[in-house]
Amino acid sequence: MLASGRGRRTTFHATETTVTVGIYGTDAAARIIVLRTALAALITKHGLAARDQPW
């Protein structure tokens, strides 16, 4: 999958309980920060539980 049509590779895999996202490229660190911020807002809004590390 290409992120935002800009030629940056992003992978995504989801199961019933787990979501794994792989972000590649020179700006990956910045994009990960944006993703974590957006996810934190959604998690709080919907009262969900999340882990930043694999089980």
PDB file of N, CA and C in Angstrom:
ATOM      1  N   MET A   1       0.855  -1.165   0.000  1.00  0.00           N
ATOM      2  CA  MET A   1       0.000   0.000   0.000  1.00  0.00           C
ATOM      3  C   MET A   1       0.901   1.228   0.000  1.00  0.00           C
ATOM      4  N   LEU A   2       0.513   2.228  -0.727  1.00  0.00           N
ATOM      5  CA  LEU A   2       1.285   3.464  -0.754  1.00  0.00           C
ATOM      6  C   LEU A   2       0.562   4.525   0.053  1.00  0.00           C
ATOM      7  N   ALA A   3       1.262   5.123   0.978  1.00  0.00           N
ATOM      8  CA  ALA A   3       0.670   6.128   1.866  1.00  0.00           C
ATOM      9  C   ALA A   3       0.385   7.413   1.111  1.00  0.00           C
ATOM     10  N   SER A   4      -0.836   7.835   1.156  1.00  0.00           N
ATOM     11  CA  SER A   4      -1.253   9.122   0.587  1.00  0.00           C
ATOM     12  C   SER A   4      -0.855   9.291  -0.874  1.00  0.00           C
ATOM     13  N   GLY A   5      -0.626   8.195  -1.572  1.00  0.00           N
ATOM     14  CA  GLY A   5      -0.274   8.290  -2.975  1.00  0.00           C
ATOM     15  C   GLY A   5       1.068   8.946  -3.236  1.00  0.00           C
ATOM     16  N   ARG A   6       1.914   9.000  -2.242  1.00  0.00           N
ATOM     17  CA  ARG A   6       3.205   9.679  -2.388  1.00  0.00           C
ATOM     18  C   ARG A   6       4.360   8.702  -2.570  1.00  0.00           C
ATOM     19  N   GLY A   7       4.069   7.450  -2.832  1.00  0.00           N
ATOM     20  CA  GLY A   7       5.116   6.475  -3.064  1.00  0.00           C
ATOM     21  C   GLY A   7       5.786   5.961  -1.809  1.00  0.00           C
ATOM     22  N   ARG A   8       5.205   6.207  -0.641  1.00  0.00           N
ATOM     23  CA  ARG A   8       5.782   5.716   0.612  1.00  0.00           C
ATOM     24  C   ARG A   8       5.054   4.437   0.993  1.00  0.00           C
ATOM     25  N   ARG A   9       5.802   3.383   1.235  1.00  0.00           N
ATOM     26  CA  ARG A   9       5.211   2.076   1.510  1.00  0.00           C
ATOM     27  C   ARG A   9       4.725   1.985   2.949  1.00  0.00           C
ATOM     28  N   THR A  10       3.497   1.479   3.097  1.00  0.00           N
ATOM     29  CA  THR A  10       2.897   1.235   4.401  1.00  0.00           C
ATOM     30  C   THR A  10       2.213  -0.118   4.342  1.00  0.00           C
ATOM     31  N   THR A  11       2.432  -0.965   5.350  1.00  0.00           N
ATOM     32  CA  THR A  11       1.741  -2.243   5.407  1.00  0.00           C
ATOM     33  C   THR A  11       0.761  -2.222   6.561  1.00  0.00           C
ATOM     34  N   PHE A  12      -0.276  -3.034   6.439  1.00  0.00           N
ATOM     35  CA  PHE A  12      -1.327  -3.058   7.447  1.00  0.00           C
ATOM     36  C   PHE A  12      -1.860  -4.473   7.547  1.00  0.00           C
ATOM     37  N   HIS A  13      -2.008  -4.972   8.769  1.00  0.00           N
ATOM     38  CA  HIS A  13      -2.600  -6.287   9.003  1.00  0.00           C
ATOM     39  C   HIS A  13      -3.473  -6.192  10.239  1.00  0.00           C
ATOM     40  N   ALA A  14      -4.676  -6.723  10.169  1.00  0.00           N
ATOM     41  CA  ALA A  14      -5.581  -6.669  11.316  1.00  0.00           C
ATOM     42  C   ALA A  14      -6.231  -8.025  11.548  1.00  0.00           C
ATOM     43  N   THR A  15      -6.397  -8.354  12.818  1.00  0.00           N
ATOM     44  CA  THR A  15      -7.183  -9.511  13.228  1.00  0.00           C
ATOM     45  C   THR A  15      -8.292  -8.980  14.126  1.00  0.00           C
ATOM     46  N   GLU A  16      -9.000  -9.877  14.753  1.00  0.00           N
ATOM     47  CA  GLU A  16     -10.090  -9.449  15.634  1.00  0.00           C
ATOM     48  C   GLU A  16      -9.587  -8.621  16.819  1.00  0.00           C
ATOM     49  N   THR A  17      -8.361  -8.867  17.254  1.00  0.00           N
ATOM     50  CA  THR A  17      -7.850  -8.191  18.448  1.00  0.00           C
ATOM     51  C   THR A  17      -6.559  -7.410  18.239  1.00  0.00           C
ATOM     52  N   THR A  18      -5.950  -7.505  17.068  1.00  0.00           N
ATOM     53  CA  THR A  18      -4.638  -6.895  16.860  1.00  0.00           C
ATOM     54  C   THR A  18      -4.585  -6.140  15.536  1.00  0.00           C
ATOM     55  N   VAL A  19      -3.931  -4.997  15.562  1.00  0.00           N
ATOM     56  CA  VAL A  19      -3.655  -4.245  14.339  1.00  0.00           C
ATOM     57  C   VAL A  19      -2.147  -4.021  14.283  1.00  0.00           C
ATOM     58  N   THR A  20      -1.534  -4.380  13.171  1.00  0.00           N
ATOM     59  CA  THR A  20      -0.109  -4.169  12.968  1.00  0.00           C
ATOM     60  C   THR A  20       0.072  -3.244  11.771  1.00  0.00           C
ATOM     61  N   VAL A  21       0.845  -2.180  11.955  1.00  0.00           N
ATOM     62  CA  VAL A  21       1.092  -1.222  10.889  1.00  0.00           C
ATOM     63  C   VAL A  21       2.599  -1.114  10.704  1.00  0.00           C
ATOM     64  N   GLY A  22       3.054  -1.249   9.475  1.00  0.00           N
ATOM     65  CA  GLY A  22       4.461  -1.060   9.149  1.00  0.00           C
ATOM     66  C   GLY A  22       4.601   0.197   8.309  1.00  0.00           C
ATOM     67  N   ILE A  23       5.441   1.110   8.735  1.00  0.00           N
ATOM     68  CA  ILE A  23       5.632   2.371   8.025  1.00  0.00           C
ATOM     69  C   ILE A  23       7.100   2.462   7.629  1.00  0.00           C
ATOM     70  N   TYR A  24       7.333   2.709   6.348  1.00  0.00           N
ATOM     71  CA  TYR A  24       8.686   2.738   5.811  1.00  0.00           C
ATOM     72  C   TYR A  24       8.971   4.085   5.171  1.00  0.00           C
ATOM     73  N   GLY A  25      10.223   4.434   5.088  1.00  0.00           N
ATOM     74  CA  GLY A  25      10.625   5.654   4.392  1.00  0.00           C
ATOM     75  C   GLY A  25      11.422   6.573   5.290  1.00  0.00           C
ATOM     76  N   THR A  26      11.982   7.604   4.686  1.00  0.00           N
ATOM     77  CA  THR A  26      12.837   8.527   5.428  1.00  0.00           C
ATOM     78  C   THR A  26      12.057   9.343   6.452  1.00  0.00           C
ATOM     79  N   ASP A  27      10.748   9.497   6.244  1.00  0.00           N
ATOM     80  CA  ASP A  27       9.933  10.262   7.189  1.00  0.00           C
ATOM     81  C   ASP A  27       9.096   9.355   8.089  1.00  0.00           C
ATOM     82  N   ALA A  28       9.468   8.082   8.182  1.00  0.00           N
ATOM     83  CA  ALA A  28       8.686   7.116   8.954  1.00  0.00           C
ATOM     84  C   ALA A  28       8.525   7.533  10.417  1.00  0.00           C
ATOM     85  N   ALA A  29       9.569   8.012  11.049  1.00  0.00           N
ATOM     86  CA  ALA A  29       9.481   8.388  12.466  1.00  0.00           C
ATOM     87  C   ALA A  29       8.431   9.473  12.686  1.00  0.00           C
ATOM     88  N   ALA A  30       8.405  10.459  11.827  1.00  0.00           N
ATOM     89  CA  ALA A  30       7.417  11.541  11.954  1.00  0.00           C
ATOM     90  C   ALA A  30       6.009  11.019  11.705  1.00  0.00           C
ATOM     91  N   ARG A  31       5.845  10.132  10.725  1.00  0.00           N
ATOM     92  CA  ARG A  31       4.529   9.578  10.427  1.00  0.00           C
ATOM     93  C   ARG A  31       4.035   8.683  11.555  1.00  0.00           C
ATOM     94  N   ILE A  32       4.941   7.978  12.233  1.00  0.00           N
ATOM     95  CA  ILE A  32       4.563   7.139  13.371  1.00  0.00           C
ATOM     96  C   ILE A  32       4.053   8.004  14.515  1.00  0.00           C
ATOM     97  N   ILE A  33       4.693   9.126  14.764  1.00  0.00           N
ATOM     98  CA  ILE A  33       4.234  10.045  15.816  1.00  0.00           C
ATOM     99  C   ILE A  33       2.820  10.535  15.514  1.00  0.00           C
ATOM    100  N   VAL A  34       2.559  10.898  14.269  1.00  0.00           N
ATOM    101  CA  VAL A  34       1.218  11.358  13.874  1.00  0.00           C
ATOM    102  C   VAL A  34       0.200  10.240  14.071  1.00  0.00           C
ATOM    103  N   LEU A  35       0.548   9.018  13.672  1.00  0.00           N
ATOM    104  CA  LEU A  35      -0.351   7.881  13.831  1.00  0.00           C
ATOM    105  C   LEU A  35      -0.643   7.610  15.301  1.00  0.00           C
ATOM    106  N   ARG A  36       0.397   7.594  16.137  1.00  0.00           N
ATOM    107  CA  ARG A  36       0.196   7.345  17.573  1.00  0.00           C
ATOM    108  C   ARG A  36      -0.696   8.406  18.209  1.00  0.00           C
ATOM    109  N   THR A  37      -0.521   9.655  17.813  1.00  0.00           N
ATOM    110  CA  THR A  37      -1.345  10.745  18.343  1.00  0.00           C
ATOM    111  C   THR A  37      -2.808  10.558  17.947  1.00  0.00           C
ATOM    112  N   ALA A  38      -3.041  10.229  16.692  1.00  0.00           N
ATOM    113  CA  ALA A  38      -4.411  10.016  16.215  1.00  0.00           C
ATOM    114  C   ALA A  38      -5.048   8.813  16.898  1.00  0.00           C
ATOM    115  N   LEU A  39      -4.294   7.730  17.044  1.00  0.00           N
ATOM    116  CA  LEU A  39      -4.830   6.546  17.714  1.00  0.00           C
ATOM    117  C   LEU A  39      -5.137   6.817  19.180  1.00  0.00           C
ATOM    118  N   ALA A  40      -4.282   7.556  19.855  1.00  0.00           N
ATOM    119  CA  ALA A  40      -4.519   7.879  21.265  1.00  0.00           C
ATOM    120  C   ALA A  40      -5.829   8.636  21.434  1.00  0.00           C
ATOM    121  N   ALA A  41      -6.106   9.558  20.530  1.00  0.00           N
ATOM    122  CA  ALA A  41      -7.361  10.311  20.594  1.00  0.00           C
ATOM    123  C   ALA A  41      -8.560   9.390  20.391  1.00  0.00           C
ATOM    124  N   LEU A  42      -8.478   8.481  19.433  1.00  0.00           N
ATOM    125  CA  LEU A  42      -9.576   7.542  19.190  1.00  0.00           C
ATOM    126  C   LEU A  42      -9.771   6.584  20.361  1.00  0.00           C
ATOM    127  N   ILE A  43      -8.678   6.109  20.918  1.00  0.00           N
ATOM    128  CA  ILE A  43      -8.739   5.183  22.049  1.00  0.00           C
ATOM    129  C   ILE A  43      -9.422   5.846  23.235  1.00  0.00           C
ATOM    130  N   THR A  44      -9.038   7.076  23.521  1.00  0.00           N
ATOM    131  CA  THR A  44      -9.647   7.822  24.624  1.00  0.00           C
ATOM    132  C   THR A  44     -11.120   8.093  24.347  1.00  0.00           C
ATOM    133  N   LYS A  45     -11.424   8.542  23.160  1.00  0.00           N
ATOM    134  CA  LYS A  45     -12.799   8.886  22.786  1.00  0.00           C
ATOM    135  C   LYS A  45     -13.744   7.701  22.931  1.00  0.00           C
ATOM    136  N   HIS A  46     -13.276   6.510  22.568  1.00  0.00           N
ATOM    137  CA  HIS A  46     -14.137   5.332  22.555  1.00  0.00           C
ATOM    138  C   HIS A  46     -13.935   4.419  23.766  1.00  0.00           C
ATOM    139  N   GLY A  47     -13.093   4.824  24.715  1.00  0.00           N
ATOM    140  CA  GLY A  47     -12.885   4.037  25.928  1.00  0.00           C
ATOM    141  C   GLY A  47     -12.270   2.672  25.670  1.00  0.00           C
ATOM    142  N   LEU A  48     -11.369   2.602  24.722  1.00  0.00           N
ATOM    143  CA  LEU A  48     -10.729   1.342  24.366  1.00  0.00           C
ATOM    144  C   LEU A  48      -9.433   1.148  25.144  1.00  0.00           C
ATOM    145  N   ALA A  49      -8.898  -0.057  25.074  1.00  0.00           N
ATOM    146  CA  ALA A  49      -7.597  -0.357  25.672  1.00  0.00           C
ATOM    147  C   ALA A  49      -6.618  -0.630  24.534  1.00  0.00           C
ATOM    148  N   ALA A  50      -5.372  -0.248  24.724  1.00  0.00           N
ATOM    149  CA  ALA A  50      -4.367  -0.466  23.681  1.00  0.00           C
ATOM    150  C   ALA A  50      -3.002  -0.670  24.308  1.00  0.00           C
ATOM    151  N   ARG A  51      -2.153  -1.371  23.557  1.00  0.00           N
ATOM    152  CA  ARG A  51      -0.751  -1.571  23.943  1.00  0.00           C
ATOM    153  C   ARG A  51       0.123  -1.068  22.806  1.00  0.00           C
ATOM    154  N   ASP A  52       1.223  -0.454  23.150  1.00  0.00           N
ATOM    155  CA  ASP A  52       2.156   0.027  22.139  1.00  0.00           C
ATOM    156  C   ASP A  52       3.201  -1.031  21.802  1.00  0.00           C
ATOM    157  N   GLN A  53       3.239  -2.096  22.563  1.00  0.00           N
ATOM    158  CA  GLN A  53       4.207  -3.163  22.362  1.00  0.00           C
ATOM    159  C   GLN A  53       3.470  -4.467  22.070  1.00  0.00           C
ATOM    160  N   PRO A  54       4.099  -5.382  21.337  1.00  0.00           N
ATOM    161  CA  PRO A  54       3.454  -6.680  21.076  1.00  0.00           C
ATOM    162  C   PRO A  54       3.313  -7.494  22.357  1.00  0.00           C
ATOM    163  N   TRP A  55       2.391  -8.417  22.359  1.00  0.00           N
ATOM    164  CA  TRP A  55       2.167  -9.287  23.532  1.00  0.00           C
ATOM    165  C   TRP A  55       3.348 -10.148  23.776  1.00  0.00           C
TER     166      TRP A  55
END
